[in-house]
């Protein structure tokens, strides 16, 4: 019965895929965004979380403005997903040259241009992160960690249709020896780490409020010494984008691993805040980022 259920799900996805392929690339974002606007009133708790998060972050103190921004955020997310699916149809080297502006420091560009230099790129769920992988992978071999599907048909379909040029490692294996060896060969390792970290995180400020934050970027940097680049890939128009990034973060360890981890993680959140303020309507606000701090915290340093 499970196999039959999995196969029915797979057929449904193939049908949706066929319909999506009929939509021209230039219309994909608008199609998805319209669906997002229709979906927003039905989101219930997620709609409330989005509005509350926008106010907590200090983007606006007006509930009306926050609701409008939350709706724009959902529309952007759905539009981005649709546009991301169409990437193979339009993201050629020629399109990149004429439709992507790159606003990154010279030091960062030099790192990305060095074929044998491993870098850690961390980003919030802001802008068009899926599309941004295409730009990064055009500069360096690129690694990501992603969850795998229990459904074998869906997993094979996903592997054959998405993330061309990007090497995907199963999340269940974590930072495996194979991944670490490949990264050390000069790859860019991309992580999106702005969501609630649960028992694996530490509590540092995010928009002035304590939030449980992933320590993996700090721990990886302290372990390897590989430079960290914090950035995002913003949408500026129809099939047009802007890459923004920080100067490379190269932290000098003090010998106090706890203090070093907190310092790096705090700086990461600070730079995330700056990026999100550039285009708050392109941020994924629906995640429950701020939660009550437990009485006992298991530290991860």
Protein backbone atom coordinates (compact mmCIF):
# COMPACT_ATOMS: atom_id res chain seq x y z
CA UNK A 1 0.00 0.00 0.00
CA UNK A 2 2.84 2.40 0.82
CA UNK A 3 4.40 1.84 -2.61
CA UNK A 4 1.08 2.57 -4.32
CA UNK A 5 0.66 5.75 -2.23
CA UNK A 6 4.20 6.87 -3.08
CA UNK A 7 3.59 6.25 -6.77
CA UNK A 8 0.35 8.27 -6.75
CA UNK A 9 2.20 11.16 -5.08
CA UNK A 10 4.91 10.89 -7.72
CA UNK A 11 2.36 11.00 -10.55
CA UNK A 12 0.78 14.10 -8.98
CA UNK A 13 4.15 15.84 -8.87
CA UNK A 14 4.83 14.91 -12.49
CA UNK A 15 1.47 16.39 -13.48
CA UNK A 16 2.22 19.65 -11.66
CA UNK A 17 5.65 19.69 -13.29
CA UNK A 18 4.12 19.35 -16.75
CA UNK A 19 1.77 22.28 -16.04
CA UNK A 20 4.64 24.42 -14.71
CA UNK A 21 6.67 23.72 -17.85
CA UNK A 22 3.91 25.31 -19.92
CA UNK A 23 4.41 28.65 -18.14
CA UNK A 24 6.99 30.95 -19.79
CA UNK A 25 9.96 31.80 -17.56
CA UNK A 26 9.10 35.52 -17.57
CA UNK A 27 5.59 34.75 -16.28
CA UNK A 28 6.57 32.19 -13.65
CA UNK A 29 7.15 34.59 -10.76
CA UNK A 30 3.87 36.43 -11.33
CA UNK A 31 1.99 33.14 -11.56
CA UNK A 32 3.44 31.92 -8.27
CA UNK A 33 3.03 35.28 -6.54
CA UNK A 34 -0.66 35.39 -7.48
CA UNK A 35 -1.07 31.96 -5.93
CA UNK A 36 0.69 33.19 -2.79
CA UNK A 37 -1.69 36.12 -2.45
CA UNK A 38 -4.66 33.78 -2.74
CA UNK A 39 -3.10 31.44 -0.19
CA UNK A 40 -2.30 34.12 2.40
CA UNK A 41 -5.83 34.52 3.89
CA UNK A 42 -5.95 30.73 4.40
CA UNK A 43 -2.65 30.45 6.27
CA UNK A 44 -4.16 30.78 9.75
CA UNK A 45 -1.44 30.48 12.40
CA UNK A 46 1.37 31.07 9.90
CA UNK A 47 -0.21 34.35 8.85
CA UNK A 48 -0.30 35.51 12.48
CA UNK A 49 3.30 34.38 13.04
CA UNK A 50 4.42 36.35 9.99
CA UNK A 51 2.73 39.55 11.16
CA UNK A 52 4.02 39.15 14.72
CA UNK A 53 7.58 38.50 13.51
CA UNK A 54 7.61 41.62 11.35
CA UNK A 55 6.53 43.74 14.31
CA UNK A 56 8.98 42.03 16.70
CA UNK A 57 11.83 42.68 14.26
CA UNK A 58 10.98 46.38 14.25
CA UNK A 59 10.37 46.52 10.51
CA UNK A 60 7.13 48.37 11.29
CA UNK A 61 4.99 48.91 14.37
CA UNK A 62 1.77 49.11 12.36
CA UNK A 63 -0.32 45.88 12.29
CA UNK A 64 -1.82 46.98 8.97
CA UNK A 65 1.58 47.56 7.38
CA UNK A 66 2.89 44.31 8.88
CA UNK A 67 -0.03 42.35 7.41
CA UNK A 68 0.60 43.91 3.98
CA UNK A 69 4.29 43.04 4.20
CA UNK A 70 3.52 39.49 5.35
CA UNK A 71 1.28 39.02 2.31
CA UNK A 72 4.05 40.33 0.04
CA UNK A 73 6.46 37.90 1.69
CA UNK A 74 4.24 34.89 0.94
CA UNK A 75 3.70 36.12 -2.62
CA UNK A 76 7.46 36.47 -3.07
CA UNK A 77 8.13 33.01 -1.65
CA UNK A 78 5.67 31.33 -4.00
CA UNK A 79 6.89 33.40 -6.93
CA UNK A 80 10.48 32.52 -6.13
CA UNK A 81 9.69 28.80 -6.05
CA UNK A 82 8.05 29.00 -9.48
CA UNK A 83 10.87 31.09 -10.91
CA UNK A 84 13.44 28.77 -9.37
CA UNK A 85 11.94 25.81 -11.22
CA UNK A 86 12.46 27.66 -14.51
CA UNK A 87 16.14 28.43 -13.89
CA UNK A 88 17.46 25.89 -16.45
CA UNK A 89 15.33 27.59 -19.12
CA UNK A 90 16.86 31.06 -18.79
CA UNK A 91 19.96 31.15 -16.57
CA UNK A 92 22.63 31.12 -19.28
CA UNK A 93 26.05 32.80 -18.94
CA UNK A 94 24.79 35.58 -21.22
CA UNK A 95 21.72 36.12 -19.03
CA UNK A 96 23.91 36.31 -15.92
CA UNK A 97 26.12 38.99 -17.45
CA UNK A 98 23.25 41.28 -18.44
CA UNK A 99 20.71 40.62 -15.66
CA UNK A 100 22.67 40.05 -12.46
CA UNK A 101 24.42 42.88 -10.63
CA UNK A 102 27.10 41.84 -8.18
CA UNK A 103 27.67 44.11 -5.19
CA UNK A 104 30.38 42.37 -3.23
CA UNK A 105 33.72 43.61 -1.85
CA UNK A 106 36.86 42.96 -3.89
CA UNK A 107 38.22 40.69 -1.14
CA UNK A 108 35.14 38.48 -1.43
CA UNK A 109 35.32 38.29 -5.20
CA UNK A 110 38.98 37.32 -5.02
CA UNK A 111 38.12 34.43 -2.71
CA UNK A 112 35.40 33.19 -5.04
CA UNK A 113 37.75 33.45 -8.02
CA UNK A 114 40.41 31.25 -6.38
CA UNK A 115 39.68 27.78 -7.66
CA UNK A 116 41.45 26.01 -4.79
CA UNK A 117 40.08 28.19 -1.95
CA UNK A 118 37.29 26.60 0.16
CA UNK A 119 34.70 29.09 1.42
CA UNK A 120 31.63 28.86 3.64
CA UNK A 121 28.69 30.90 2.34
CA UNK A 122 25.86 31.48 4.79
CA UNK A 123 22.56 33.11 3.93
CA UNK A 124 19.13 33.74 5.42
CA UNK A 125 15.93 32.65 3.66
CA UNK A 126 15.90 35.94 1.81
CA UNK A 127 15.45 36.81 -1.84
CA UNK A 128 15.97 34.03 -4.36
CA UNK A 129 18.30 31.60 -2.61
CA UNK A 130 17.58 28.75 -5.01
CA UNK A 131 18.36 30.93 -8.03
CA UNK A 132 21.45 32.25 -6.23
CA UNK A 133 22.95 28.77 -6.18
CA UNK A 134 23.27 29.03 -9.96
CA UNK A 135 25.49 32.09 -9.67
CA UNK A 136 27.65 30.59 -6.94
CA UNK A 137 28.05 27.30 -8.81
CA UNK A 138 29.14 29.22 -11.91
CA UNK A 139 32.06 30.61 -9.88
CA UNK A 140 33.05 27.57 -7.81
CA UNK A 141 32.01 23.95 -7.32
CA UNK A 142 29.15 24.25 -4.82
CA UNK A 143 28.00 21.94 -2.02
CA UNK A 144 24.71 21.95 -0.11
CA UNK A 145 23.06 19.73 2.48
CA UNK A 146 19.44 18.76 1.86
CA UNK A 147 16.88 16.35 3.25
CA UNK A 148 16.12 13.30 1.14
CA UNK A 149 12.63 12.01 0.35
CA UNK A 150 11.35 8.68 1.66
CA UNK A 151 9.54 8.31 -1.64
CA UNK A 152 12.14 6.78 -4.03
CA UNK A 153 10.36 8.00 -7.19
CA UNK A 154 10.20 11.57 -5.89
CA UNK A 155 13.85 11.40 -4.79
CA UNK A 156 15.03 10.28 -8.24
CA UNK A 157 12.85 12.93 -9.88
CA UNK A 158 14.30 15.63 -7.60
CA UNK A 159 17.87 14.55 -8.33
CA UNK A 160 17.30 14.62 -12.09
CA UNK A 161 15.49 17.96 -12.30
CA UNK A 162 16.99 20.29 -9.71
CA UNK A 163 20.25 21.91 -8.62
CA UNK A 164 22.23 21.33 -11.79
CA UNK A 165 25.91 21.88 -11.08
CA UNK A 166 25.37 21.74 -7.31
CA UNK A 167 26.51 18.72 -5.29
CA UNK A 168 23.85 17.70 -2.76
CA UNK A 169 24.77 15.77 0.39
CA UNK A 170 22.07 14.04 2.49
CA UNK A 171 21.21 15.96 5.63
CA UNK A 172 20.94 12.76 7.67
CA UNK A 173 24.71 12.25 7.37
CA UNK A 174 25.52 15.76 8.63
CA UNK A 175 29.03 17.08 7.99
CA UNK A 176 30.30 13.74 6.76
CA UNK A 177 33.98 12.98 6.03
CA UNK A 178 33.16 12.83 2.30
CA UNK A 179 31.61 16.30 2.40
CA UNK A 180 34.49 17.77 4.41
CA UNK A 181 37.08 16.28 2.04
CA UNK A 182 35.25 17.60 -1.02
CA UNK A 183 34.88 21.05 0.55
CA UNK A 184 38.62 21.21 1.30
CA UNK A 185 39.34 20.72 -2.41
CA UNK A 186 38.23 24.30 -3.05
CA UNK A 187 34.43 24.25 -3.05
CA UNK A 188 31.85 26.72 -1.80
CA UNK A 189 29.71 25.19 0.95
CA UNK A 190 26.33 26.98 1.20
CA UNK A 191 24.17 26.92 4.34
CA UNK A 192 20.85 28.67 5.10
CA UNK A 193 20.87 28.95 8.90
CA UNK A 194 18.47 31.67 10.01
CA UNK A 195 15.72 29.47 11.45
CA UNK A 196 15.10 28.15 14.98
CA UNK A 197 17.91 25.75 15.92
CA UNK A 198 16.11 23.79 18.63
CA UNK A 199 18.32 21.84 21.01
CA UNK A 200 21.34 22.29 18.74
CA UNK A 201 21.53 26.08 19.03
CA UNK A 202 22.64 28.87 21.32
CA UNK A 203 20.65 31.93 22.34
CA UNK A 204 21.91 35.16 20.79
CA UNK A 205 20.09 38.30 19.69
CA UNK A 206 18.30 38.50 16.36
CA UNK A 207 16.70 41.90 15.74
CA UNK A 208 17.32 42.69 19.41
CA UNK A 209 15.53 39.61 20.76
CA UNK A 210 17.11 36.34 21.98
CA UNK A 211 16.70 33.62 19.36
CA UNK A 212 17.98 30.06 19.32
CA UNK A 213 20.57 30.15 16.55
CA UNK A 214 22.54 27.48 14.71
CA UNK A 215 26.19 27.25 15.72
CA UNK A 216 27.29 25.13 12.76
CA UNK A 217 28.80 28.06 10.79
CA UNK A 218 30.88 29.12 13.79
CA UNK A 219 31.94 25.57 14.61
CA UNK A 220 32.89 24.82 10.99
CA UNK A 221 34.89 28.04 10.72
CA UNK A 222 36.74 27.42 13.99
CA UNK A 223 37.44 23.83 12.95
CA UNK A 224 38.69 24.53 9.41
CA UNK A 225 39.73 28.17 9.29
CA UNK A 226 37.97 28.49 5.92
CA UNK A 227 36.69 32.06 5.27
CA UNK A 228 33.00 32.82 5.82
CA UNK A 229 30.97 34.93 3.37
CA UNK A 230 27.55 36.19 4.49
CA UNK A 231 25.27 37.22 1.67
CA UNK A 232 21.98 37.02 -0.20
CA UNK A 233 20.58 37.05 -3.71
CA UNK A 234 17.81 39.63 -4.12
CA UNK A 235 15.24 39.89 -6.90
CA UNK A 236 15.21 43.30 -8.59
CA UNK A 237 12.84 42.68 -11.50
CA UNK A 238 11.65 40.09 -13.99
CA UNK A 239 14.50 37.56 -14.17
CA UNK A 240 16.82 40.24 -12.75
CA UNK A 241 18.80 39.87 -9.53
CA UNK A 242 21.39 41.43 -7.27
CA UNK A 243 24.04 39.53 -5.31
CA UNK A 244 25.10 41.22 -2.06
CA UNK A 245 27.70 39.91 0.36
CA UNK A 246 30.01 40.86 3.21
CA UNK A 247 33.75 41.06 3.39
CA UNK A 248 35.16 37.64 4.28
CA UNK A 249 34.87 36.79 7.96
CA UNK A 250 38.12 35.30 9.22
CA UNK A 251 37.95 35.07 13.00
CA UNK A 252 41.04 34.82 15.16
CA UNK A 253 40.31 32.25 17.91
CA UNK A 254 40.92 33.40 21.47
CA UNK A 255 41.23 29.93 22.96
CA UNK A 256 37.81 30.25 24.59
CA UNK A 257 35.61 28.14 22.30
CA UNK A 258 32.37 29.23 23.95
CA UNK A 259 33.16 32.94 23.60
CA UNK A 260 34.39 32.46 20.03
CA UNK A 261 31.23 30.60 19.01
CA UNK A 262 29.00 33.28 20.53
CA UNK A 263 30.99 36.08 18.87
CA UNK A 264 30.82 34.54 15.38
CA UNK A 265 27.13 33.61 15.71
CA UNK A 266 26.23 37.09 16.96
CA UNK A 267 28.04 38.68 14.01
CA UNK A 268 26.24 36.34 11.63
CA UNK A 269 22.84 37.39 12.98
CA UNK A 270 23.82 41.07 12.83
CA UNK A 271 24.69 40.77 9.15
CA UNK A 272 21.51 38.80 8.49
CA UNK A 273 19.56 41.72 9.96
CA UNK A 274 21.26 44.17 7.58
CA UNK A 275 20.46 41.98 4.59
CA UNK A 276 16.82 41.48 5.59
CA UNK A 277 16.29 45.23 6.03
CA UNK A 278 17.34 45.71 2.40
CA UNK A 279 14.25 43.80 1.20
CA UNK A 280 11.98 42.72 4.07
CA UNK A 281 9.23 41.76 1.62
CA UNK A 282 11.57 39.06 0.26
CA UNK A 283 12.20 37.42 3.65
CA UNK A 284 10.44 34.26 4.83
CA UNK A 285 8.66 35.60 7.95
CA UNK A 286 6.32 32.62 8.44
CA UNK A 287 8.83 30.64 10.51
CA UNK A 288 8.41 30.79 14.32
CA UNK A 289 11.85 32.30 14.89
CA UNK A 290 11.42 33.60 18.44
CA UNK A 291 10.37 31.02 21.02
CA UNK A 292 10.44 30.79 24.80
CA UNK A 293 13.87 29.98 26.16
CA UNK A 294 13.83 26.66 28.06
CA UNK A 295 14.82 26.55 31.72
CA UNK A 296 17.75 24.26 30.89
CA UNK A 297 19.78 24.90 27.74
CA UNK A 298 22.05 22.28 26.23
CA UNK A 299 24.99 24.24 24.87
CA UNK A 300 26.62 23.41 21.52
CA UNK A 301 30.10 24.95 21.15
